[in-house]
Amino acid sequence: MSIYDESKSLPSLPKFSFGYDKLKFPLIAVIAVLVIAFLIVSFSSLFKPDPLLISFEEPTFDLTEKKSLVMKIVVFNVLEKDVSDSVITVTPVDAGAITVFPKEVFIATLGKGETRTFQEFNVRPLHENIASGNYEIEIKFVSAGQTFTKRASIYIKNN
């Protein structure tokens, strides 16, 4: 007998049928889980506290009433660990018009989730004849190698 004999045949292979409709529900479930996970991560970042809060004792700085204004800075450790040797740096954007003292404050340690308030920053114009208008101050908080930056604006009124 030869291998070409019609009475002999090779065993047939099992038939494999694949239906895409069997994948429809698991695929929808995987996509739904991914979308829910993305939404949870996105919303959790919305509820994290701001690492820098800046406020002034008054919204307008009237030079006819006082010569300096106190700026309050609140820092919040949003990192997942205690940090040490953090620095707050305050820089006027228009350094030729206003000054802020002190320019830097060092924080030796700041625990996880801890808040610290500083009410020692004084904002002063450099000249008595400063033009009325908004002046911006940039605040940087460097903690554990991460930098958080925010700008605050104060309106200076000079008649």
C-alpha atoms as a PDB file:
ATOM      1  CA  MET A   1       0.000   0.000   0.000  1.00  0.00           C
ATOM      2  CA  SER A   2       1.167   3.404  -0.739  1.00  0.00           C
ATOM      3  CA  ILE A   3       0.649   6.497   1.212  1.00  0.00           C
ATOM      4  CA  TYR A   4      -1.627   7.680  -1.545  1.00  0.00           C
ATOM      5  CA  ASP A   5      -4.078   4.876  -1.124  1.00  0.00           C
ATOM      6  CA  GLU A   6      -7.592   6.189  -0.731  1.00  0.00           C
ATOM      7  CA  SER A   7      -8.610   3.683   1.849  1.00  0.00           C
ATOM      8  CA  LYS A   8      -6.027   4.961   4.271  1.00  0.00           C
ATOM      9  CA  SER A   9      -6.278   8.452   5.699  1.00  0.00           C
ATOM     10  CA  LEU A  10      -4.541  10.453   8.344  1.00  0.00           C
ATOM     11  CA  PRO A  11      -6.394  11.094  11.527  1.00  0.00           C
ATOM     12  CA  SER A  12      -8.354  14.306  11.278  1.00  0.00           C
ATOM     13  CA  LEU A  13      -7.412  17.257  13.373  1.00  0.00           C
ATOM     14  CA  PRO A  14      -9.989  18.521  15.852  1.00  0.00           C
ATOM     15  CA  LYS A  15     -11.890  21.490  14.562  1.00  0.00           C
ATOM     16  CA  PHE A  16     -11.435  24.678  16.515  1.00  0.00           C
ATOM     17  CA  SER A  17     -14.023  27.353  16.152  1.00  0.00           C
ATOM     18  CA  PHE A  18     -13.578  30.733  17.747  1.00  0.00           C
ATOM     19  CA  GLY A  19     -16.485  33.090  18.242  1.00  0.00           C
ATOM     20  CA  TYR A  20     -15.819  36.757  18.888  1.00  0.00           C
ATOM     21  CA  ASP A  21     -19.165  37.085  20.620  1.00  0.00           C
ATOM     22  CA  LYS A  22     -17.701  34.956  23.449  1.00  0.00           C
ATOM     23  CA  LEU A  23     -15.135  37.716  24.060  1.00  0.00           C
ATOM     24  CA  LYS A  24     -17.639  40.553  24.098  1.00  0.00           C
ATOM     25  CA  PHE A  25     -18.561  40.437  27.805  1.00  0.00           C
ATOM     26  CA  PRO A  26     -15.033  39.865  29.214  1.00  0.00           C
ATOM     27  CA  LEU A  27     -13.703  42.656  27.014  1.00  0.00           C
ATOM     28  CA  ILE A  28     -16.418  45.050  28.231  1.00  0.00           C
ATOM     29  CA  ALA A  29     -15.647  44.062  31.843  1.00  0.00           C
ATOM     30  CA  VAL A  30     -11.908  44.739  31.401  1.00  0.00           C
ATOM     31  CA  ILE A  31     -12.583  48.135  29.806  1.00  0.00           C
ATOM     32  CA  ALA A  32     -15.028  49.043  32.597  1.00  0.00           C
ATOM     33  CA  VAL A  33     -12.479  48.106  35.294  1.00  0.00           C
ATOM     34  CA  LEU A  34      -9.789  50.220  33.581  1.00  0.00           C
ATOM     35  CA  VAL A  35     -12.121  53.220  33.291  1.00  0.00           C
ATOM     36  CA  ILE A  36     -13.150  52.949  36.962  1.00  0.00           C
ATOM     37  CA  ALA A  37      -9.499  52.675  38.060  1.00  0.00           C
ATOM     38  CA  PHE A  38      -8.606  55.761  35.985  1.00  0.00           C
ATOM     39  CA  LEU A  39     -11.483  57.741  37.520  1.00  0.00           C
ATOM     40  CA  ILE A  40     -10.497  56.747  41.061  1.00  0.00           C
ATOM     41  CA  VAL A  41      -6.895  57.858  40.511  1.00  0.00           C
ATOM     42  CA  SER A  42      -8.035  61.127  38.897  1.00  0.00           C
ATOM     43  CA  PHE A  43     -10.515  61.977  41.644  1.00  0.00           C
ATOM     44  CA  SER A  44      -8.122  61.107  44.454  1.00  0.00           C
ATOM     45  CA  SER A  45      -5.661  63.704  43.146  1.00  0.00           C
ATOM     46  CA  LEU A  46      -8.435  66.315  43.244  1.00  0.00           C
ATOM     47  CA  PHE A  47      -8.908  65.825  46.978  1.00  0.00           C
ATOM     48  CA  LYS A  48      -5.247  66.150  47.894  1.00  0.00           C
ATOM     49  CA  PRO A  49      -4.590  69.315  49.838  1.00  0.00           C
ATOM     50  CA  ASP A  50      -2.664  72.102  48.178  1.00  0.00           C
ATOM     51  CA  PRO A  51       0.979  72.099  49.380  1.00  0.00           C
ATOM     52  CA  LEU A  52       1.067  75.942  49.348  1.00  0.00           C
ATOM     53  CA  LEU A  53      -1.563  78.415  50.517  1.00  0.00           C
ATOM     54  CA  ILE A  54      -0.820  82.135  50.367  1.00  0.00           C
ATOM     55  CA  SER A  55      -2.858  84.970  51.825  1.00  0.00           C
ATOM     56  CA  PHE A  56      -2.357  88.603  52.802  1.00  0.00           C
ATOM     57  CA  GLU A  57      -3.620  90.350  55.916  1.00  0.00           C
ATOM     58  CA  GLU A  58      -5.535  92.695  53.593  1.00  0.00           C
ATOM     59  CA  PRO A  59      -6.492  92.266  49.917  1.00  0.00           C
ATOM     60  CA  THR A  60      -5.234  95.757  49.011  1.00  0.00           C
ATOM     61  CA  PHE A  61      -2.034  97.357  50.175  1.00  0.00           C
ATOM     62  CA  ASP A  62      -2.736 101.087  50.630  1.00  0.00           C
ATOM     63  CA  LEU A  63       0.570 102.961  51.008  1.00  0.00           C
ATOM     64  CA  THR A  64      -1.152 105.970  52.578  1.00  0.00           C
ATOM     65  CA  GLU A  65      -2.126 103.787  55.566  1.00  0.00           C
ATOM     66  CA  LYS A  66       0.932 101.568  56.139  1.00  0.00           C
ATOM     67  CA  LYS A  67       4.433 100.928  54.844  1.00  0.00           C
ATOM     68  CA  SER A  68       4.460  97.109  54.844  1.00  0.00           C
ATOM     69  CA  LEU A  69       2.030  94.226  54.580  1.00  0.00           C
ATOM     70  CA  VAL A  70       2.189  90.762  56.160  1.00  0.00           C
ATOM     71  CA  MET A  71       1.968  87.774  53.854  1.00  0.00           C
ATOM     72  CA  LYS A  72       0.920  84.428  55.357  1.00  0.00           C
ATOM     73  CA  ILE A  73       2.197  81.162  53.868  1.00  0.00           C
ATOM     74  CA  VAL A  74       0.871  77.750  54.864  1.00  0.00           C
ATOM     75  CA  VAL A  75       2.817  74.674  53.736  1.00  0.00           C
ATOM     76  CA  PHE A  76       1.390  71.171  53.811  1.00  0.00           C
ATOM     77  CA  ASN A  77       3.459  67.999  53.452  1.00  0.00           C
ATOM     78  CA  VAL A  78       1.567  66.117  50.721  1.00  0.00           C
ATOM     79  CA  LEU A  79       4.337  63.543  50.368  1.00  0.00           C
ATOM     80  CA  GLU A  80       3.942  60.047  51.747  1.00  0.00           C
ATOM     81  CA  LYS A  81       6.848  60.424  54.189  1.00  0.00           C
ATOM     82  CA  ASP A  82       8.377  62.737  56.766  1.00  0.00           C
ATOM     83  CA  VAL A  83      10.744  65.266  55.212  1.00  0.00           C
ATOM     84  CA  SER A  84      13.661  67.301  56.477  1.00  0.00           C
ATOM     85  CA  ASP A  85      15.530  70.383  55.309  1.00  0.00           C
ATOM     86  CA  SER A  86      12.659  71.906  53.337  1.00  0.00           C
ATOM     87  CA  VAL A  87      12.900  75.501  52.100  1.00  0.00           C
ATOM     88  CA  ILE A  88      10.356  78.205  51.298  1.00  0.00           C
ATOM     89  CA  THR A  89      11.743  80.826  48.890  1.00  0.00           C
ATOM     90  CA  VAL A  90       9.846  84.052  48.208  1.00  0.00           C
ATOM     91  CA  THR A  91      10.729  86.170  45.165  1.00  0.00           C
ATOM     92  CA  PRO A  92       8.931  89.267  43.850  1.00  0.00           C
ATOM     93  CA  VAL A  93       8.376  89.005  40.095  1.00  0.00           C
ATOM     94  CA  ASP A  94       9.066  92.751  39.745  1.00  0.00           C
ATOM     95  CA  ALA A  95      12.110  92.935  42.034  1.00  0.00           C
ATOM     96  CA  GLY A  96      12.633  96.596  41.137  1.00  0.00           C
ATOM     97  CA  ALA A  97       9.281  97.604  42.650  1.00  0.00           C
ATOM     98  CA  ILE A  98       8.716  95.500  45.780  1.00  0.00           C
ATOM     99  CA  THR A  99      10.721  93.431  48.219  1.00  0.00           C
ATOM    100  CA  VAL A 100       9.820  90.605  50.585  1.00  0.00           C
ATOM    101  CA  PHE A 101      11.626  89.851  53.808  1.00  0.00           C
ATOM    102  CA  PRO A 102      12.708  87.198  54.676  1.00  0.00           C
ATOM    103  CA  LYS A 103      13.512  85.751  51.285  1.00  0.00           C
ATOM    104  CA  GLU A 104      13.919  82.186  52.600  1.00  0.00           C
ATOM    105  CA  VAL A 105      12.684  80.139  55.519  1.00  0.00           C
ATOM    106  CA  PHE A 106      14.126  76.740  56.379  1.00  0.00           C
ATOM    107  CA  ILE A 107      11.985  73.984  57.866  1.00  0.00           C
ATOM    108  CA  ALA A 108      14.057  71.414  59.746  1.00  0.00           C
ATOM    109  CA  THR A 109      11.421  68.649  59.768  1.00  0.00           C
ATOM    110  CA  LEU A 110       7.885  68.323  58.490  1.00  0.00           C
ATOM    111  CA  GLY A 111       5.933  65.164  59.255  1.00  0.00           C
ATOM    112  CA  LYS A 112       3.737  63.304  56.788  1.00  0.00           C
ATOM    113  CA  GLY A 113       0.474  65.249  56.478  1.00  0.00           C
ATOM    114  CA  GLU A 114       1.738  68.022  58.773  1.00  0.00           C
ATOM    115  CA  THR A 115       0.907  71.699  58.200  1.00  0.00           C
ATOM    116  CA  ARG A 116       3.096  74.659  59.110  1.00  0.00           C
ATOM    117  CA  THR A 117       2.009  78.324  59.064  1.00  0.00           C
ATOM    118  CA  PHE A 118       4.405  81.252  58.578  1.00  0.00           C
ATOM    119  CA  GLN A 119       3.196  84.807  59.189  1.00  0.00           C
ATOM    120  CA  GLU A 120       6.561  86.480  59.099  1.00  0.00           C
ATOM    121  CA  PHE A 121       6.849  87.620  55.489  1.00  0.00           C
ATOM    122  CA  ASN A 122       6.728  91.400  55.048  1.00  0.00           C
ATOM    123  CA  VAL A 123       5.981  92.908  51.651  1.00  0.00           C
ATOM    124  CA  ARG A 124       7.284  96.454  51.106  1.00  0.00           C
ATOM    125  CA  PRO A 125       7.596  98.755  48.126  1.00  0.00           C
ATOM    126  CA  LEU A 126      11.150  99.818  47.289  1.00  0.00           C
ATOM    127  CA  HIS A 127      10.101 103.402  46.456  1.00  0.00           C
ATOM    128  CA  GLU A 128       7.475 105.746  47.843  1.00  0.00           C
ATOM    129  CA  ASN A 129       6.388 106.706  44.329  1.00  0.00           C
ATOM    130  CA  ILE A 130       5.536 103.155  43.207  1.00  0.00           C
ATOM    131  CA  ALA A 131       2.753 102.961  40.621  1.00  0.00           C
ATOM    132  CA  SER A 132      -0.614 101.615  41.717  1.00  0.00           C
ATOM    133  CA  GLY A 133      -1.361  98.162  40.365  1.00  0.00           C
ATOM    134  CA  ASN A 134      -1.037  94.411  40.819  1.00  0.00           C
ATOM    135  CA  TYR A 135       2.331  92.994  41.796  1.00  0.00           C
ATOM    136  CA  GLU A 136       3.110  89.287  41.754  1.00  0.00           C
ATOM    137  CA  ILE A 137       5.193  87.260  44.170  1.00  0.00           C
ATOM    138  CA  GLU A 138       6.480  83.769  43.390  1.00  0.00           C
ATOM    139  CA  ILE A 139       6.640  81.271  46.240  1.00  0.00           C
ATOM    140  CA  LYS A 140       8.629  78.022  45.961  1.00  0.00           C
ATOM    141  CA  PHE A 141       8.442  75.194  48.455  1.00  0.00           C
ATOM    142  CA  VAL A 142      11.221  72.620  47.992  1.00  0.00           C
ATOM    143  CA  SER A 143      10.722  69.454  50.001  1.00  0.00           C
ATOM    144  CA  ALA A 144      12.414  66.063  49.552  1.00  0.00           C
ATOM    145  CA  GLY A 145      13.645  67.034  46.098  1.00  0.00           C
ATOM    146  CA  GLN A 146      10.209  68.098  44.851  1.00  0.00           C
ATOM    147  CA  THR A 147       9.411  71.721  44.028  1.00  0.00           C
ATOM    148  CA  PHE A 148       5.957  73.219  44.478  1.00  0.00           C
ATOM    149  CA  THR A 149       5.468  76.709  43.017  1.00  0.00           C
ATOM    150  CA  LYS A 150       2.674  79.228  43.314  1.00  0.00           C
ATOM    151  CA  ARG A 151       2.209  82.895  42.457  1.00  0.00           C
ATOM    152  CA  ALA A 152       0.323  85.365  44.573  1.00  0.00           C
ATOM    153  CA  SER A 153      -0.826  88.800  43.499  1.00  0.00           C
ATOM    154  CA  ILE A 154      -1.317  91.879  45.661  1.00  0.00           C
ATOM    155  CA  TYR A 155      -2.828  95.189  44.606  1.00  0.00           C
ATOM    156  CA  ILE A 156      -0.776  98.172  45.780  1.00  0.00           C
ATOM    157  CA  LYS A 157      -2.644 101.466  45.947  1.00  0.00           C
ATOM    158  CA  ASN A 158      -0.585 104.658  45.940  1.00  0.00           C
ATOM    159  CA  ASN A 159      -2.199 108.084  45.670  1.00  0.00           C
END
